[in-house]
């Protein structure tokens, strides 16, 4: 694989330049992480109350067990934290609470309801960075664990900016391991035709920065939207910012 021109420079890593940007979606380009958090909270709170599970579900559970992971992995991990084991089920299971897949599908229904009702606007700083990278001709991809990535990009008005989108549907179809494994990011780099060693991974989730750190990427940038800068650095980010606009030279 031959790398592209290395035109993107960022102030937090002044000693080199980069050839491609691989973005997570929810919480990085769009504030849909808040929608996901609300949907997970609704689903797990209902399940925990109905089945007498303690302690109650909290946002700490979201960041520890769910954030950034493929949907069914998040369900499995959170239930395991309470000592609960359910049958795996099948992705076609109707929304419910009898299997891992049924619970995951209930969460997905809640997410889609909120997205349809309220829509989503991308972060202004993220749009500014996308504009900047388009001007440079820097290849860009979205790498998301969500199976809703295409819908979110469309609603947010960003779909036209990305020819490469590796989401939960693509990962399942291609049998690619999800985050915190680096495989989906590596797959996106291959589709862009850029060496991983020239790619920047941009993530807001612990599992996402772990994925970046597990691969041979040029730089892993954490975006602190609630996970905490210290935790993002501890789990693999080399740089942490609070807004993507910080990744442009002034």
Protein backbone atom coordinates (compact mmCIF):
# COMPACT_ATOMS: atom_id res chain seq x y z
CA UNK A 1 0.00 0.00 0.00
CA UNK A 2 1.32 3.45 -0.85
CA UNK A 3 0.60 6.35 1.42
CA UNK A 4 -1.01 9.61 0.42
CA UNK A 5 0.50 13.06 0.78
CA UNK A 6 1.18 13.97 4.39
CA UNK A 7 -0.34 17.43 4.47
CA UNK A 8 -2.26 17.52 7.76
CA UNK A 9 -0.34 19.07 10.64
CA UNK A 10 -1.75 19.56 14.12
CA UNK A 11 -0.35 21.70 16.94
CA UNK A 12 -0.38 18.86 19.51
CA UNK A 13 2.05 16.78 17.40
CA UNK A 14 4.30 19.33 15.69
CA UNK A 15 7.11 16.95 14.72
CA UNK A 16 5.28 15.24 11.85
CA UNK A 17 2.28 15.43 9.51
CA UNK A 18 -0.46 12.96 8.68
CA UNK A 19 -2.12 11.41 5.64
CA UNK A 20 -5.65 10.42 6.70
CA UNK A 21 -8.24 10.90 9.44
CA UNK A 22 -10.30 8.03 10.83
CA UNK A 23 -13.20 9.37 12.89
CA UNK A 24 -15.53 7.71 15.31
CA UNK A 25 -19.00 9.21 14.86
CA UNK A 26 -21.06 9.48 18.03
CA UNK A 27 -19.48 12.01 20.37
CA UNK A 28 -16.76 12.91 17.86
CA UNK A 29 -18.56 14.35 14.83
CA UNK A 30 -22.10 14.49 16.24
CA UNK A 31 -23.55 14.74 19.76
CA UNK A 32 -25.44 11.50 19.25
CA UNK A 33 -23.51 9.99 22.15
CA UNK A 34 -26.10 11.80 24.30
CA UNK A 35 -28.88 10.09 22.37
CA UNK A 36 -27.18 6.71 22.79
CA UNK A 37 -26.70 7.34 26.52
CA UNK A 38 -30.40 8.17 26.93
CA UNK A 39 -31.46 5.10 24.94
CA UNK A 40 -29.19 2.78 26.95
CA UNK A 41 -30.41 4.34 30.19
CA UNK A 42 -34.05 3.80 29.22
CA UNK A 43 -33.49 0.19 28.22
CA UNK A 44 -31.31 -0.90 31.16
CA UNK A 45 -33.31 1.01 33.79
CA UNK A 46 -36.47 -0.73 32.65
CA UNK A 47 -34.78 -4.14 32.66
CA UNK A 48 -33.14 -3.63 36.06
CA UNK A 49 -36.37 -2.44 37.70
CA UNK A 50 -38.45 -5.24 36.18
CA UNK A 51 -36.01 -7.93 37.27
CA UNK A 52 -34.90 -6.44 40.59
CA UNK A 53 -31.30 -5.94 39.50
CA UNK A 54 -29.03 -3.88 41.76
CA UNK A 55 -27.25 -1.57 41.86
CA UNK A 56 -29.31 0.67 39.59
CA UNK A 57 -27.97 1.49 36.12
CA UNK A 58 -25.94 4.72 35.96
CA UNK A 59 -23.95 6.80 33.50
CA UNK A 60 -20.82 5.28 35.02
CA UNK A 61 -22.02 1.94 33.66
CA UNK A 62 -22.33 3.49 30.21
CA UNK A 63 -18.71 4.67 30.15
CA UNK A 64 -17.37 1.49 31.77
CA UNK A 65 -19.23 -1.19 29.82
CA UNK A 66 -21.09 0.22 26.82
CA UNK A 67 -19.52 3.31 25.28
CA UNK A 68 -17.97 2.71 21.88
CA UNK A 69 -18.57 -1.04 21.78
CA UNK A 70 -20.73 -3.00 19.35
CA UNK A 71 -24.28 -2.98 20.69
CA UNK A 72 -24.58 -6.60 21.78
CA UNK A 73 -21.11 -6.51 23.37
CA UNK A 74 -22.28 -3.56 25.47
CA UNK A 75 -25.40 -5.41 26.60
CA UNK A 76 -23.36 -8.48 27.50
CA UNK A 77 -20.70 -6.54 29.40
CA UNK A 78 -23.15 -4.48 31.46
CA UNK A 79 -25.23 -7.52 32.41
CA UNK A 80 -22.06 -9.41 33.33
CA UNK A 81 -21.17 -6.59 35.75
CA UNK A 82 -24.32 -7.61 37.69
CA UNK A 83 -23.64 -11.33 37.36
CA UNK A 84 -26.38 -11.81 34.76
CA UNK A 85 -26.01 -14.24 31.87
CA UNK A 86 -28.66 -14.37 29.13
CA UNK A 87 -28.90 -16.49 25.99
CA UNK A 88 -27.24 -14.77 23.04
CA UNK A 89 -30.28 -14.98 20.80
CA UNK A 90 -30.20 -13.79 17.19
CA UNK A 91 -29.93 -10.30 15.67
CA UNK A 92 -33.43 -10.78 14.24
CA UNK A 93 -34.95 -11.21 17.73
CA UNK A 94 -37.80 -8.75 18.35
CA UNK A 95 -37.08 -6.07 20.94
CA UNK A 96 -37.52 -7.50 24.41
CA UNK A 97 -35.52 -8.75 27.39
CA UNK A 98 -35.15 -12.50 26.92
CA UNK A 99 -31.83 -12.50 25.07
CA UNK A 100 -28.77 -10.33 24.57
CA UNK A 101 -29.92 -9.49 21.04
CA UNK A 102 -33.48 -8.70 22.13
CA UNK A 103 -32.20 -6.19 24.70
CA UNK A 104 -29.83 -4.66 22.17
CA UNK A 105 -32.67 -4.30 19.68
CA UNK A 106 -34.84 -2.62 22.34
CA UNK A 107 -32.07 -0.08 22.84
CA UNK A 108 -31.84 0.44 19.08
CA UNK A 109 -35.58 1.13 18.84
CA UNK A 110 -35.26 3.78 21.56
CA UNK A 111 -32.33 5.41 19.75
CA UNK A 112 -34.18 5.57 16.44
CA UNK A 113 -37.21 7.16 18.10
CA UNK A 114 -35.14 9.95 19.62
CA UNK A 115 -33.18 10.50 16.38
CA UNK A 116 -36.38 10.77 14.32
CA UNK A 117 -38.04 13.12 16.82
CA UNK A 118 -35.15 15.44 17.56
CA UNK A 119 -32.63 15.09 14.71
CA UNK A 120 -28.97 15.90 15.27
CA UNK A 121 -26.59 18.72 14.39
CA UNK A 122 -22.85 18.08 14.06
CA UNK A 123 -20.42 19.80 16.41
CA UNK A 124 -19.33 23.13 14.83
CA UNK A 125 -15.67 22.43 15.61
CA UNK A 126 -15.94 19.04 13.92
CA UNK A 127 -17.41 20.61 10.79
CA UNK A 128 -14.61 23.18 10.78
CA UNK A 129 -12.01 20.39 10.88
CA UNK A 130 -13.77 18.47 8.09
CA UNK A 131 -13.76 21.62 5.97
CA UNK A 132 -10.06 22.08 6.66
CA UNK A 133 -9.18 18.50 5.76
CA UNK A 134 -11.25 18.67 2.57
CA UNK A 135 -9.25 21.74 1.56
CA UNK A 136 -6.02 19.78 2.13
CA UNK A 137 -7.35 16.78 0.23
CA UNK A 138 -6.87 14.55 3.29
CA UNK A 139 -8.75 11.23 2.99
CA UNK A 140 -11.33 10.69 5.74
CA UNK A 141 -13.41 7.78 6.98
CA UNK A 142 -15.99 7.15 9.68
CA UNK A 143 -15.44 4.09 11.86
CA UNK A 144 -18.36 3.47 14.20
CA UNK A 145 -19.59 0.52 16.22
CA UNK A 146 -23.15 1.73 15.67
CA UNK A 147 -25.37 0.10 13.07
CA UNK A 148 -27.09 3.48 12.71
CA UNK A 149 -24.08 5.38 11.38
CA UNK A 150 -25.46 5.91 7.87
CA UNK A 151 -28.74 7.29 9.24
CA UNK A 152 -26.94 9.62 11.65
CA UNK A 153 -24.62 10.93 8.93
CA UNK A 154 -27.60 11.58 6.67
CA UNK A 155 -29.66 13.37 9.34
CA UNK A 156 -26.60 15.43 10.35
CA UNK A 157 -25.89 16.47 6.75
CA UNK A 158 -22.48 14.79 6.70
CA UNK A 159 -23.08 11.75 4.50
CA UNK A 160 -21.65 13.38 1.37
CA UNK A 161 -18.28 13.94 3.07
CA UNK A 162 -17.38 10.27 3.50
CA UNK A 163 -16.91 7.65 0.81
CA UNK A 164 -15.73 5.16 3.43
CA UNK A 165 -17.99 4.31 6.38
CA UNK A 166 -17.16 1.23 8.42
CA UNK A 167 -20.01 0.74 10.87
CA UNK A 168 -21.56 -2.09 12.85
CA UNK A 169 -23.34 -3.44 9.79
CA UNK A 170 -20.13 -3.56 7.75
CA UNK A 171 -18.24 -5.18 10.62
CA UNK A 172 -20.89 -7.88 10.99
CA UNK A 173 -21.07 -8.54 7.24
CA UNK A 174 -17.28 -8.75 6.87
CA UNK A 175 -16.80 -10.61 10.19
CA UNK A 176 -14.48 -7.87 11.47
CA UNK A 177 -13.80 -7.69 15.22
CA UNK A 178 -15.25 -4.60 16.84
CA UNK A 179 -13.63 -2.11 19.19
CA UNK A 180 -11.53 -2.33 21.36
CA UNK A 181 -9.83 -4.42 18.66
CA UNK A 182 -8.17 -2.24 15.99
CA UNK A 183 -9.62 -4.21 13.07
CA UNK A 184 -12.38 -1.82 11.94
CA UNK A 185 -9.93 1.09 11.86
CA UNK A 186 -7.39 -1.00 9.95
CA UNK A 187 -10.10 -2.00 7.47
CA UNK A 188 -11.05 1.65 6.90
CA UNK A 189 -7.40 2.57 6.26
CA UNK A 190 -7.17 -0.18 3.65
CA UNK A 191 -10.32 1.09 1.93
CA UNK A 192 -8.83 4.60 1.84
CA UNK A 193 -5.56 3.22 0.47
CA UNK A 194 -3.50 4.82 3.25
CA UNK A 195 -0.95 3.10 5.48
CA UNK A 196 -2.11 2.83 9.07
CA UNK A 197 1.20 4.41 10.10
CA UNK A 198 0.04 7.66 8.44
CA UNK A 199 -3.52 7.63 9.88
CA UNK A 200 -4.89 9.55 12.86
CA UNK A 201 -7.62 7.84 14.91
CA UNK A 202 -10.05 10.28 16.58
CA UNK A 203 -12.18 8.81 19.38
CA UNK A 204 -14.21 9.83 22.43
CA UNK A 205 -14.67 6.38 23.99
CA UNK A 206 -12.34 4.30 26.14
CA UNK A 207 -12.86 1.27 23.90
CA UNK A 208 -12.14 3.46 20.88
CA UNK A 209 -8.79 4.81 22.07
CA UNK A 210 -7.92 1.26 23.08
CA UNK A 211 -8.65 0.21 19.49
CA UNK A 212 -6.39 2.94 18.15
CA UNK A 213 -3.60 2.09 20.58
CA UNK A 214 -3.82 -1.59 19.65
CA UNK A 215 -3.07 -0.81 15.99
CA UNK A 216 -0.06 0.64 14.24
CA UNK A 217 -1.53 4.12 13.79
CA UNK A 218 0.37 7.38 13.61
CA UNK A 219 -1.59 9.07 16.40
CA UNK A 220 -4.59 8.40 18.63
CA UNK A 221 -6.55 11.52 19.57
CA UNK A 222 -9.06 11.38 22.40
CA UNK A 223 -11.97 13.82 22.44
CA UNK A 224 -13.17 14.35 26.00
CA UNK A 225 -16.97 14.46 25.85
CA UNK A 226 -17.39 12.90 29.28
CA UNK A 227 -15.10 9.88 29.48
CA UNK A 228 -12.42 12.04 31.15
CA UNK A 229 -9.08 13.18 29.78
CA UNK A 230 -7.05 11.12 32.25
CA UNK A 231 -8.88 7.91 31.39
CA UNK A 232 -8.54 8.55 27.65
CA UNK A 233 -4.79 9.06 28.07
CA UNK A 234 -4.50 6.04 30.35
CA UNK A 235 -6.19 3.76 27.81
CA UNK A 236 -4.31 4.78 24.69
CA UNK A 237 -4.81 8.37 23.57
CA UNK A 238 -1.60 10.28 22.92
CA UNK A 239 -3.42 13.62 22.74
CA UNK A 240 -6.72 14.73 24.28
CA UNK A 241 -8.78 17.71 23.10
CA UNK A 242 -12.23 18.96 24.03
CA UNK A 243 -13.15 20.01 20.49
CA UNK A 244 -11.95 18.94 17.04
CA UNK A 245 -11.32 22.55 16.10
CA UNK A 246 -8.21 22.29 18.28
CA UNK A 247 -6.65 19.94 15.70
CA UNK A 248 -5.98 22.73 13.21
CA UNK A 249 -2.98 25.01 13.09
CA UNK A 250 -4.00 28.55 13.95
